[in-house]
Amino acid sequence: MKNVLLVSEQGVTSHLFLGEAKRVAETRRAALHFTAAGCAELAPELLAEQDLILFTPQAAAVMDTLHTDALMAVIPNDIYGWLNSESLVKFATKELAATAVLA
């Protein structure tokens, strides 16, 4: 099971994605565990538990300030703009698979 953290500025958008992303991952039997947080909630303990951290476009600037071994990526605008949880799960799976190939 891979841990995926969804991050938005205040945590609102990430929580909107959360429920549906969990449902889609379960339906597709994807080994992903989603959580959500706002930028202010990004404690080192939370970051240490993650395999992948996905940022909304507005929260992307925070990426450069974080110290973590987790893979980080920005949710593409077409997924973010439509709150497309199905595509979000596919994107997370693809990102994690790409790092597995590189490792």
PDB file of N, CA and C in Angstrom:
ATOM      1  N   MET A   1       0.845  -1.171   0.000  1.00  0.00           N
ATOM      2  CA  MET A   1       0.000   0.000   0.000  1.00  0.00           C
ATOM      3  C   MET A   1       0.894   1.239   0.000  1.00  0.00           C
ATOM      4  N   LYS A   2       0.638   2.135  -0.919  1.00  0.00           N
ATOM      5  CA  LYS A   2       1.394   3.386  -1.020  1.00  0.00           C
ATOM      6  C   LYS A   2       0.553   4.517  -0.439  1.00  0.00           C
ATOM      7  N   ASN A   3       1.186   5.373   0.330  1.00  0.00           N
ATOM      8  CA  ASN A   3       0.515   6.533   0.932  1.00  0.00           C
ATOM      9  C   ASN A   3       0.643   7.733   0.014  1.00  0.00           C
ATOM     10  N   VAL A   4      -0.497   8.342  -0.293  1.00  0.00           N
ATOM     11  CA  VAL A   4      -0.550   9.512  -1.167  1.00  0.00           C
ATOM     12  C   VAL A   4      -1.214  10.650  -0.401  1.00  0.00           C
ATOM     13  N   LEU A   5      -0.511  11.763  -0.300  1.00  0.00           N
ATOM     14  CA  LEU A   5      -1.033  12.946   0.386  1.00  0.00           C
ATOM     15  C   LEU A   5      -1.455  13.973  -0.652  1.00  0.00           C
ATOM     16  N   LEU A   6      -2.692  14.450  -0.546  1.00  0.00           N
ATOM     17  CA  LEU A   6      -3.200  15.511  -1.408  1.00  0.00           C
ATOM     18  C   LEU A   6      -3.085  16.813  -0.638  1.00  0.00           C
ATOM     19  N   VAL A   7      -2.444  17.805  -1.240  1.00  0.00           N
ATOM     20  CA  VAL A   7      -2.207  19.073  -0.552  1.00  0.00           C
ATOM     21  C   VAL A   7      -2.784  20.227  -1.359  1.00  0.00           C
ATOM     22  N   SER A   8      -3.583  21.045  -0.688  1.00  0.00           N
ATOM     23  CA  SER A   8      -4.062  22.299  -1.268  1.00  0.00           C
ATOM     24  C   SER A   8      -3.743  23.412  -0.278  1.00  0.00           C
ATOM     25  N   GLU A   9      -3.899  24.650  -0.694  1.00  0.00           N
ATOM     26  CA  GLU A   9      -3.517  25.766   0.172  1.00  0.00           C
ATOM     27  C   GLU A   9      -4.172  25.700   1.548  1.00  0.00           C
ATOM     28  N   GLN A  10      -5.479  25.661   1.580  1.00  0.00           N
ATOM     29  CA  GLN A  10      -6.202  25.648   2.847  1.00  0.00           C
ATOM     30  C   GLN A  10      -6.706  24.257   3.232  1.00  0.00           C
ATOM     31  N   GLY A  11      -6.566  23.297   2.336  1.00  0.00           N
ATOM     32  CA  GLY A  11      -7.032  21.945   2.599  1.00  0.00           C
ATOM     33  C   GLY A  11      -8.425  21.654   2.071  1.00  0.00           C
ATOM     34  N   VAL A  12      -9.102  22.660   1.541  1.00  0.00           N
ATOM     35  CA  VAL A  12     -10.476  22.481   1.075  1.00  0.00           C
ATOM     36  C   VAL A  12     -10.520  21.604  -0.180  1.00  0.00           C
ATOM     37  N   THR A  13      -9.765  21.964  -1.191  1.00  0.00           N
ATOM     38  CA  THR A  13      -9.791  21.206  -2.440  1.00  0.00           C
ATOM     39  C   THR A  13      -9.266  19.793  -2.232  1.00  0.00           C
ATOM     40  N   SER A  14      -8.225  19.655  -1.439  1.00  0.00           N
ATOM     41  CA  SER A  14      -7.676  18.317  -1.212  1.00  0.00           C
ATOM     42  C   SER A  14      -8.702  17.418  -0.524  1.00  0.00           C
ATOM     43  N   HIS A  15      -9.482  17.982   0.374  1.00  0.00           N
ATOM     44  CA  HIS A  15     -10.524  17.191   1.035  1.00  0.00           C
ATOM     45  C   HIS A  15     -11.691  16.893   0.090  1.00  0.00           C
ATOM     46  N   LEU A  16     -11.954  17.779  -0.870  1.00  0.00           N
ATOM     47  CA  LEU A  16     -12.980  17.497  -1.875  1.00  0.00           C
ATOM     48  C   LEU A  16     -12.579  16.288  -2.723  1.00  0.00           C
ATOM     49  N   PHE A  17     -11.315  16.198  -3.068  1.00  0.00           N
ATOM     50  CA  PHE A  17     -10.804  15.066  -3.835  1.00  0.00           C
ATOM     51  C   PHE A  17     -10.796  13.779  -3.013  1.00  0.00           C
ATOM     52  N   LEU A  18     -10.564  13.888  -1.725  1.00  0.00           N
ATOM     53  CA  LEU A  18     -10.251  12.755  -0.874  1.00  0.00           C
ATOM     54  C   LEU A  18     -11.275  11.611  -0.917  1.00  0.00           C
ATOM     55  N   GLY A  19     -12.515  11.896  -0.626  1.00  0.00           N
ATOM     56  CA  GLY A  19     -13.526  10.838  -0.549  1.00  0.00           C
ATOM     57  C   GLY A  19     -13.688  10.079  -1.842  1.00  0.00           C
ATOM     58  N   GLU A  20     -13.754  10.797  -2.928  1.00  0.00           N
ATOM     59  CA  GLU A  20     -13.945  10.158  -4.226  1.00  0.00           C
ATOM     60  C   GLU A  20     -12.680   9.415  -4.658  1.00  0.00           C
ATOM     61  N   ALA A  21     -11.514   9.969  -4.354  1.00  0.00           N
ATOM     62  CA  ALA A  21     -10.260   9.295  -4.706  1.00  0.00           C
ATOM     63  C   ALA A  21     -10.151   7.966  -3.958  1.00  0.00           C
ATOM     64  N   LYS A  22     -10.549   7.957  -2.693  1.00  0.00           N
ATOM     65  CA  LYS A  22     -10.540   6.712  -1.924  1.00  0.00           C
ATOM     66  C   LYS A  22     -11.475   5.682  -2.543  1.00  0.00           C
ATOM     67  N   ARG A  23     -12.660   6.128  -2.950  1.00  0.00           N
ATOM     68  CA  ARG A  23     -13.633   5.219  -3.548  1.00  0.00           C
ATOM     69  C   ARG A  23     -13.115   4.653  -4.866  1.00  0.00           C
ATOM     70  N   VAL A  24     -12.546   5.518  -5.701  1.00  0.00           N
ATOM     71  CA  VAL A  24     -12.024   5.071  -6.992  1.00  0.00           C
ATOM     72  C   VAL A  24     -10.872   4.085  -6.787  1.00  0.00           C
ATOM     73  N   ALA A  25      -9.970   4.386  -5.865  1.00  0.00           N
ATOM     74  CA  ALA A  25      -8.839   3.489  -5.600  1.00  0.00           C
ATOM     75  C   ALA A  25      -9.330   2.127  -5.117  1.00  0.00           C
ATOM     76  N   GLU A  26     -10.332   2.135  -4.272  1.00  0.00           N
ATOM     77  CA  GLU A  26     -10.888   0.881  -3.773  1.00  0.00           C
ATOM     78  C   GLU A  26     -11.550   0.096  -4.905  1.00  0.00           C
ATOM     79  N   THR A  27     -12.334   0.771  -5.725  1.00  0.00           N
ATOM     80  CA  THR A  27     -13.027   0.130  -6.844  1.00  0.00           C
ATOM     81  C   THR A  27     -12.036  -0.466  -7.842  1.00  0.00           C
ATOM     82  N   ARG A  28     -10.962   0.270  -8.110  1.00  0.00           N
ATOM     83  CA  ARG A  28      -9.948  -0.193  -9.068  1.00  0.00           C
ATOM     84  C   ARG A  28      -8.941  -1.152  -8.437  1.00  0.00           C
ATOM     85  N   ARG A  29      -9.092  -1.360  -7.136  1.00  0.00           N
ATOM     86  CA  ARG A  29      -8.163  -2.198  -6.374  1.00  0.00           C
ATOM     87  C   ARG A  29      -6.730  -1.698  -6.490  1.00  0.00           C
ATOM     88  N   ALA A  30      -6.608  -0.377  -6.500  1.00  0.00           N
ATOM     89  CA  ALA A  30      -5.285   0.248  -6.501  1.00  0.00           C
ATOM     90  C   ALA A  30      -4.781   0.287  -5.063  1.00  0.00           C
ATOM     91  N   ALA A  31      -3.552  -0.073  -4.874  1.00  0.00           N
ATOM     92  CA  ALA A  31      -2.967  -0.133  -3.526  1.00  0.00           C
ATOM     93  C   ALA A  31      -2.515   1.257  -3.096  1.00  0.00           C
ATOM     94  N   LEU A  32      -3.476   2.161  -2.994  1.00  0.00           N
ATOM     95  CA  LEU A  32      -3.197   3.551  -2.622  1.00  0.00           C
ATOM     96  C   LEU A  32      -4.036   3.932  -1.416  1.00  0.00           C
ATOM     97  N   HIS A  33      -3.406   4.603  -0.483  1.00  0.00           N
ATOM     98  CA  HIS A  33      -4.107   5.138   0.688  1.00  0.00           C
ATOM     99  C   HIS A  33      -3.984   6.659   0.626  1.00  0.00           C
ATOM    100  N   PHE A  34      -5.114   7.333   0.405  1.00  0.00           N
ATOM    101  CA  PHE A  34      -5.130   8.784   0.265  1.00  0.00           C
ATOM    102  C   PHE A  34      -5.417   9.479   1.589  1.00  0.00           C
ATOM    103  N   THR A  35      -4.719  10.587   1.824  1.00  0.00           N
ATOM    104  CA  THR A  35      -5.027  11.514   2.907  1.00  0.00           C
ATOM    105  C   THR A  35      -4.955  12.915   2.313  1.00  0.00           C
ATOM    106  N   ALA A  36      -5.466  13.882   3.053  1.00  0.00           N
ATOM    107  CA  ALA A  36      -5.493  15.255   2.557  1.00  0.00           C
ATOM    108  C   ALA A  36      -5.065  16.218   3.653  1.00  0.00           C
ATOM    109  N   ALA A  37      -4.497  17.346   3.230  1.00  0.00           N
ATOM    110  CA  ALA A  37      -4.044  18.359   4.186  1.00  0.00           C
ATOM    111  C   ALA A  37      -3.921  19.706   3.498  1.00  0.00           C
ATOM    112  N   GLY A  38      -3.946  20.739   4.299  1.00  0.00           N
ATOM    113  CA  GLY A  38      -3.634  22.082   3.840  1.00  0.00           C
ATOM    114  C   GLY A  38      -2.150  22.341   4.047  1.00  0.00           C
ATOM    115  N   CYS A  39      -1.625  23.371   3.429  1.00  0.00           N
ATOM    116  CA  CYS A  39      -0.197  23.681   3.540  1.00  0.00           C
ATOM    117  C   CYS A  39       0.246  23.874   4.989  1.00  0.00           C
ATOM    118  N   ALA A  40      -0.590  24.455   5.807  1.00  0.00           N
ATOM    119  CA  ALA A  40      -0.234  24.713   7.203  1.00  0.00           C
ATOM    120  C   ALA A  40      -0.129  23.426   8.021  1.00  0.00           C
ATOM    121  N   GLU A  41      -0.659  22.336   7.517  1.00  0.00           N
ATOM    122  CA  GLU A  41      -0.667  21.060   8.241  1.00  0.00           C
ATOM    123  C   GLU A  41       0.501  20.141   7.880  1.00  0.00           C
ATOM    124  N   LEU A  42       1.429  20.608   7.072  1.00  0.00           N
ATOM    125  CA  LEU A  42       2.499  19.755   6.565  1.00  0.00           C
ATOM    126  C   LEU A  42       3.635  19.615   7.582  1.00  0.00           C
ATOM    127  N   ALA A  43       3.386  18.823   8.592  1.00  0.00           N
ATOM    128  CA  ALA A  43       4.375  18.559   9.637  1.00  0.00           C
ATOM    129  C   ALA A  43       5.354  17.482   9.151  1.00  0.00           C
ATOM    130  N   PRO A  44       6.583  17.512   9.640  1.00  0.00           N
ATOM    131  CA  PRO A  44       7.571  16.503   9.231  1.00  0.00           C
ATOM    132  C   PRO A  44       7.092  15.062   9.446  1.00  0.00           C
ATOM    133  N   GLU A  45       6.338  14.815  10.500  1.00  0.00           N
ATOM    134  CA  GLU A  45       5.832  13.462  10.770  1.00  0.00           C
ATOM    135  C   GLU A  45       4.876  13.009   9.666  1.00  0.00           C
ATOM    136  N   LEU A  46       4.018  13.913   9.221  1.00  0.00           N
ATOM    137  CA  LEU A  46       3.070  13.594   8.154  1.00  0.00           C
ATOM    138  C   LEU A  46       3.811  13.328   6.852  1.00  0.00           C
ATOM    139  N   LEU A  47       4.772  14.173   6.532  1.00  0.00           N
ATOM    140  CA  LEU A  47       5.537  14.017   5.295  1.00  0.00           C
ATOM    141  C   LEU A  47       6.330  12.716   5.278  1.00  0.00           C
ATOM    142  N   ALA A  48       6.863  12.320   6.427  1.00  0.00           N
ATOM    143  CA  ALA A  48       7.681  11.111   6.515  1.00  0.00           C
ATOM    144  C   ALA A  48       6.894   9.848   6.187  1.00  0.00           C
ATOM    145  N   GLU A  49       5.584   9.878   6.344  1.00  0.00           N
ATOM    146  CA  GLU A  49       4.740   8.708   6.103  1.00  0.00           C
ATOM    147  C   GLU A  49       4.335   8.544   4.644  1.00  0.00           C
ATOM    148  N   GLN A  50       4.658   9.524   3.794  1.00  0.00           N
ATOM    149  CA  GLN A  50       4.130   9.553   2.432  1.00  0.00           C
ATOM    150  C   GLN A  50       5.098   8.957   1.415  1.00  0.00           C
ATOM    151  N   ASP A  51       4.510   8.303   0.410  1.00  0.00           N
ATOM    152  CA  ASP A  51       5.277   7.840  -0.741  1.00  0.00           C
ATOM    153  C   ASP A  51       5.173   8.848  -1.886  1.00  0.00           C
ATOM    154  N   LEU A  52       4.036   9.530  -1.955  1.00  0.00           N
ATOM    155  CA  LEU A  52       3.770  10.503  -3.007  1.00  0.00           C
ATOM    156  C   LEU A  52       2.977  11.660  -2.412  1.00  0.00           C
ATOM    157  N   ILE A  53       3.390  12.872  -2.742  1.00  0.00           N
ATOM    158  CA  ILE A  53       2.659  14.066  -2.308  1.00  0.00           C
ATOM    159  C   ILE A  53       2.225  14.800  -3.564  1.00  0.00           C
ATOM    160  N   LEU A  54       0.908  14.973  -3.714  1.00  0.00           N
ATOM    161  CA  LEU A  54       0.340  15.661  -4.874  1.00  0.00           C
ATOM    162  C   LEU A  54      -0.187  17.020  -4.447  1.00  0.00           C
ATOM    163  N   PHE A  55       0.250  18.053  -5.136  1.00  0.00           N
ATOM    164  CA  PHE A  55      -0.123  19.430  -4.819  1.00  0.00           C
ATOM    165  C   PHE A  55      -1.096  19.977  -5.849  1.00  0.00           C
ATOM    166  N   THR A  56      -2.068  20.750  -5.376  1.00  0.00           N
ATOM    167  CA  THR A  56      -2.909  21.488  -6.315  1.00  0.00           C
ATOM    168  C   THR A  56      -2.020  22.563  -6.946  1.00  0.00           C
ATOM    169  N   PRO A  57      -2.381  23.054  -8.126  1.00  0.00           N
ATOM    170  CA  PRO A  57      -1.540  24.068  -8.770  1.00  0.00           C
ATOM    171  C   PRO A  57      -1.264  25.288  -7.877  1.00  0.00           C
ATOM    172  N   GLN A  58      -2.242  25.704  -7.076  1.00  0.00           N
ATOM    173  CA  GLN A  58      -2.062  26.870  -6.227  1.00  0.00           C
ATOM    174  C   GLN A  58      -1.096  26.613  -5.072  1.00  0.00           C
ATOM    175  N   ALA A  59      -0.947  25.377  -4.673  1.00  0.00           N
ATOM    176  CA  ALA A  59      -0.073  25.027  -3.548  1.00  0.00           C
ATOM    177  C   ALA A  59       1.313  24.565  -4.010  1.00  0.00           C
ATOM    178  N   ALA A  60       1.557  24.569  -5.297  1.00  0.00           N
ATOM    179  CA  ALA A  60       2.808  24.028  -5.843  1.00  0.00           C
ATOM    180  C   ALA A  60       4.058  24.747  -5.333  1.00  0.00           C
ATOM    181  N   ALA A  61       3.949  26.005  -5.010  1.00  0.00           N
ATOM    182  CA  ALA A  61       5.117  26.766  -4.545  1.00  0.00           C
ATOM    183  C   ALA A  61       5.696  26.200  -3.252  1.00  0.00           C
ATOM    184  N   VAL A  62       4.882  25.501  -2.492  1.00  0.00           N
ATOM    185  CA  VAL A  62       5.314  24.931  -1.218  1.00  0.00           C
ATOM    186  C   VAL A  62       6.315  23.788  -1.440  1.00  0.00           C
ATOM    187  N   MET A  63       6.266  23.171  -2.599  1.00  0.00           N
ATOM    188  CA  MET A  63       7.117  22.017  -2.878  1.00  0.00           C
ATOM    189  C   MET A  63       8.593  22.313  -2.602  1.00  0.00           C
ATOM    190  N   ASP A  64       9.046  23.480  -3.002  1.00  0.00           N
ATOM    191  CA  ASP A  64      10.458  23.834  -2.856  1.00  0.00           C
ATOM    192  C   ASP A  64      10.887  24.026  -1.404  1.00  0.00           C
ATOM    193  N   THR A  65       9.949  24.170  -0.502  1.00  0.00           N
ATOM    194  CA  THR A  65      10.280  24.416   0.896  1.00  0.00           C
ATOM    195  C   THR A  65      10.253  23.155   1.748  1.00  0.00           C
ATOM    196  N   LEU A  66       9.823  22.044   1.178  1.00  0.00           N
ATOM    197  CA  LEU A  66       9.671  20.808   1.951  1.00  0.00           C
ATOM    198  C   LEU A  66      10.921  19.946   1.885  1.00  0.00           C
ATOM    199  N   HIS A  67      11.204  19.305   2.998  1.00  0.00           N
ATOM    200  CA  HIS A  67      12.326  18.367   3.078  1.00  0.00           C
ATOM    201  C   HIS A  67      11.743  16.983   3.338  1.00  0.00           C
ATOM    202  N   THR A  68      11.671  16.212   2.268  1.00  0.00           N
ATOM    203  CA  THR A  68      11.079  14.877   2.360  1.00  0.00           C
ATOM    204  C   THR A  68      11.686  13.976   1.293  1.00  0.00           C
ATOM    205  N   ASP A  69      11.659  12.691   1.547  1.00  0.00           N
ATOM    206  CA  ASP A  69      12.119  11.718   0.560  1.00  0.00           C
ATOM    207  C   ASP A  69      10.989  11.289  -0.369  1.00  0.00           C
ATOM    208  N   ALA A  70       9.782  11.736  -0.082  1.00  0.00           N
ATOM    209  CA  ALA A  70       8.618  11.361  -0.893  1.00  0.00           C
ATOM    210  C   ALA A  70       8.700  12.001  -2.276  1.00  0.00           C
ATOM    211  N   LEU A  71       8.156  11.307  -3.242  1.00  0.00           N
ATOM    212  CA  LEU A  71       8.010  11.865  -4.576  1.00  0.00           C
ATOM    213  C   LEU A  71       6.977  12.982  -4.489  1.00  0.00           C
ATOM    214  N   MET A  72       7.210  14.082  -5.198  1.00  0.00           N
ATOM    215  CA  MET A  72       6.260  15.182  -5.206  1.00  0.00           C
ATOM    216  C   MET A  72       5.909  15.551  -6.643  1.00  0.00           C
ATOM    217  N   ALA A  73       4.641  15.900  -6.860  1.00  0.00           N
ATOM    218  CA  ALA A  73       4.180  16.296  -8.186  1.00  0.00           C
ATOM    219  C   ALA A  73       3.004  17.258  -8.038  1.00  0.00           C
ATOM    220  N   VAL A  74       2.759  18.010  -9.101  1.00  0.00           N
ATOM    221  CA  VAL A  74       1.617  18.925  -9.149  1.00  0.00           C
ATOM    222  C   VAL A  74       0.498  18.242  -9.926  1.00  0.00           C
ATOM    223  N   ILE A  75      -0.694  18.298  -9.386  1.00  0.00           N
ATOM    224  CA  ILE A  75      -1.861  17.731 -10.061  1.00  0.00           C
ATOM    225  C   ILE A  75      -2.088  18.524 -11.346  1.00  0.00           C
ATOM    226  N   PRO A  76      -2.134  17.870 -12.493  1.00  0.00           N
ATOM    227  CA  PRO A  76      -2.349  18.590 -13.754  1.00  0.00           C
ATOM    228  C   PRO A  76      -3.673  19.377 -13.742  1.00  0.00           C
ATOM    229  N   ASN A  77      -3.671  20.498 -14.446  1.00  0.00           N
ATOM    230  CA  ASN A  77      -4.845  21.378 -14.467  1.00  0.00           C
ATOM    231  C   ASN A  77      -6.112  20.688 -14.940  1.00  0.00           C
ATOM    232  N   ASP A  78      -6.008  19.794 -15.923  1.00  0.00           N
ATOM    233  CA  ASP A  78      -7.219  19.142 -16.421  1.00  0.00           C
ATOM    234  C   ASP A  78      -7.824  18.203 -15.380  1.00  0.00           C
ATOM    235  N   ILE A  79      -7.022  17.639 -14.508  1.00  0.00           N
ATOM    236  CA  ILE A  79      -7.536  16.794 -13.422  1.00  0.00           C
ATOM    237  C   ILE A  79      -8.062  17.675 -12.300  1.00  0.00           C
ATOM    238  N   TYR A  80      -7.286  18.668 -11.932  1.00  0.00           N
ATOM    239  CA  TYR A  80      -7.657  19.572 -10.843  1.00  0.00           C
ATOM    240  C   TYR A  80      -8.924  20.368 -11.167  1.00  0.00           C
ATOM    241  N   GLY A  81      -8.978  20.932 -12.363  1.00  0.00           N
ATOM    242  CA  GLY A  81     -10.091  21.804 -12.750  1.00  0.00           C
ATOM    243  C   GLY A  81     -11.443  21.114 -12.732  1.00  0.00           C
ATOM    244  N   TRP A  82     -11.456  19.831 -13.026  1.00  0.00           N
ATOM    245  CA  TRP A  82     -12.703  19.068 -13.060  1.00  0.00           C
ATOM    246  C   TRP A  82     -12.895  18.213 -11.816  1.00  0.00           C
ATOM    247  N   LEU A  83     -11.959  18.304 -10.868  1.00  0.00           N
ATOM    248  CA  LEU A  83     -11.982  17.444  -9.672  1.00  0.00           C
ATOM    249  C   LEU A  83     -12.198  15.989 -10.092  1.00  0.00           C
ATOM    250  N   ASN A  84     -11.415  15.577 -11.078  1.00  0.00           N
ATOM    251  CA  ASN A  84     -11.561  14.259 -11.675  1.00  0.00           C
ATOM    252  C   ASN A  84     -10.777  13.223 -10.860  1.00  0.00           C
ATOM    253  N   SER A  85     -11.449  12.596  -9.927  1.00  0.00           N
ATOM    254  CA  SER A  85     -10.794  11.641  -9.033  1.00  0.00           C
ATOM    255  C   SER A  85     -10.331  10.388  -9.753  1.00  0.00           C
ATOM    256  N   GLU A  86     -11.051   9.976 -10.765  1.00  0.00           N
ATOM    257  CA  GLU A  86     -10.629   8.807 -11.551  1.00  0.00           C
ATOM    258  C   GLU A  86      -9.267   9.082 -12.187  1.00  0.00           C
ATOM    259  N   SER A  87      -9.135  10.230 -12.805  1.00  0.00           N
ATOM    260  CA  SER A  87      -7.853  10.596 -13.419  1.00  0.00           C
ATOM    261  C   SER A  87      -6.782  10.848 -12.369  1.00  0.00           C
ATOM    262  N   LEU A  88      -7.172  11.327 -11.206  1.00  0.00           N
ATOM    263  CA  LEU A  88      -6.221  11.551 -10.122  1.00  0.00           C
ATOM    264  C   LEU A  88      -5.601  10.228  -9.671  1.00  0.00           C
ATOM    265  N   VAL A  89      -6.413   9.199  -9.530  1.00  0.00           N
ATOM    266  CA  VAL A  89      -5.905   7.881  -9.137  1.00  0.00           C
ATOM    267  C   VAL A  89      -4.976   7.342 -10.221  1.00  0.00           C
ATOM    268  N   LYS A  90      -5.342   7.499 -11.479  1.00  0.00           N
ATOM    269  CA  LYS A  90      -4.482   7.064 -12.582  1.00  0.00           C
ATOM    270  C   LYS A  90      -3.163   7.826 -12.565  1.00  0.00           C
ATOM    271  N   PHE A  91      -3.232   9.142 -12.330  1.00  0.00           N
ATOM    272  CA  PHE A  91      -2.033   9.974 -12.287  1.00  0.00           C
ATOM    273  C   PHE A  91      -1.117   9.536 -11.145  1.00  0.00           C
ATOM    274  N   ALA A  92      -1.675   9.312  -9.966  1.00  0.00           N
ATOM    275  CA  ALA A  92      -0.882   8.884  -8.807  1.00  0.00           C
ATOM    276  C   ALA A  92      -0.218   7.536  -9.090  1.00  0.00           C
ATOM    277  N   THR A  93      -0.959   6.616  -9.675  1.00  0.00           N
ATOM    278  CA  THR A  93      -0.423   5.303 -10.002  1.00  0.00           C
ATOM    279  C   THR A  93       0.731   5.421 -10.996  1.00  0.00           C
ATOM    280  N   LYS A  94       0.548   6.265 -11.989  1.00  0.00           N
ATOM    281  CA  LYS A  94       1.576   6.476 -13.017  1.00  0.00           C
ATOM    282  C   LYS A  94       2.838   7.096 -12.394  1.00  0.00           C
ATOM    283  N   GLU A  95       2.668   8.083 -11.539  1.00  0.00           N
ATOM    284  CA  GLU A  95       3.814   8.733 -10.886  1.00  0.00           C
ATOM    285  C   GLU A  95       4.601   7.737 -10.042  1.00  0.00           C
ATOM    286  N   LEU A  96       3.896   6.926  -9.283  1.00  0.00           N
ATOM    287  CA  LEU A  96       4.557   5.928  -8.437  1.00  0.00           C
ATOM    288  C   LEU A  96       5.237   4.854  -9.279  1.00  0.00           C
ATOM    289  N   ALA A  97       4.623   4.458 -10.372  1.00  0.00           N
ATOM    290  CA  ALA A  97       5.218   3.455 -11.253  1.00  0.00           C
ATOM    291  C   ALA A  97       6.480   3.984 -11.918  1.00  0.00           C
ATOM    292  N   ALA A  98       6.478   5.258 -12.283  1.00  0.00           N
ATOM    293  CA  ALA A  98       7.654   5.862 -12.932  1.00  0.00           C
ATOM    294  C   ALA A  98       8.855   5.848 -11.994  1.00  0.00           C
ATOM    295  N   THR A  99       8.641   6.109 -10.714  1.00  0.00           N
ATOM    296  CA  THR A  99       9.769   6.107  -9.777  1.00  0.00           C
ATOM    297  C   THR A  99      10.235   4.676  -9.498  1.00  0.00           C
ATOM    298  N   ALA A 100       9.336   3.718  -9.559  1.00  0.00           N
ATOM    299  CA  ALA A 100       9.728   2.324  -9.344  1.00  0.00           C
ATOM    300  C   ALA A 100      10.650   1.858 -10.475  1.00  0.00           C
ATOM    301  N   VAL A 101      10.393   2.323 -11.687  1.00  0.00           N
ATOM    302  CA  VAL A 101      11.212   1.953 -12.832  1.00  0.00           C
ATOM    303  C   VAL A 101      12.586   2.603 -12.715  1.00  0.00           C
ATOM    304  N   LEU A 102      12.623   3.835 -12.216  1.00  0.00           N
ATOM    305  CA  LEU A 102      13.897   4.548 -12.090  1.00  0.00           C
ATOM    306  C   LEU A 102      14.748   4.038 -10.939  1.00  0.00           C
ATOM    307  N   ALA A 103      14.116   3.436  -9.946  1.00  0.00           N
ATOM    308  CA  ALA A 103      14.856   3.003  -8.743  1.00  0.00           C
ATOM    309  C   ALA A 103      15.691   1.777  -8.968  1.00  0.00           C
TER     310      ALA A 103
END
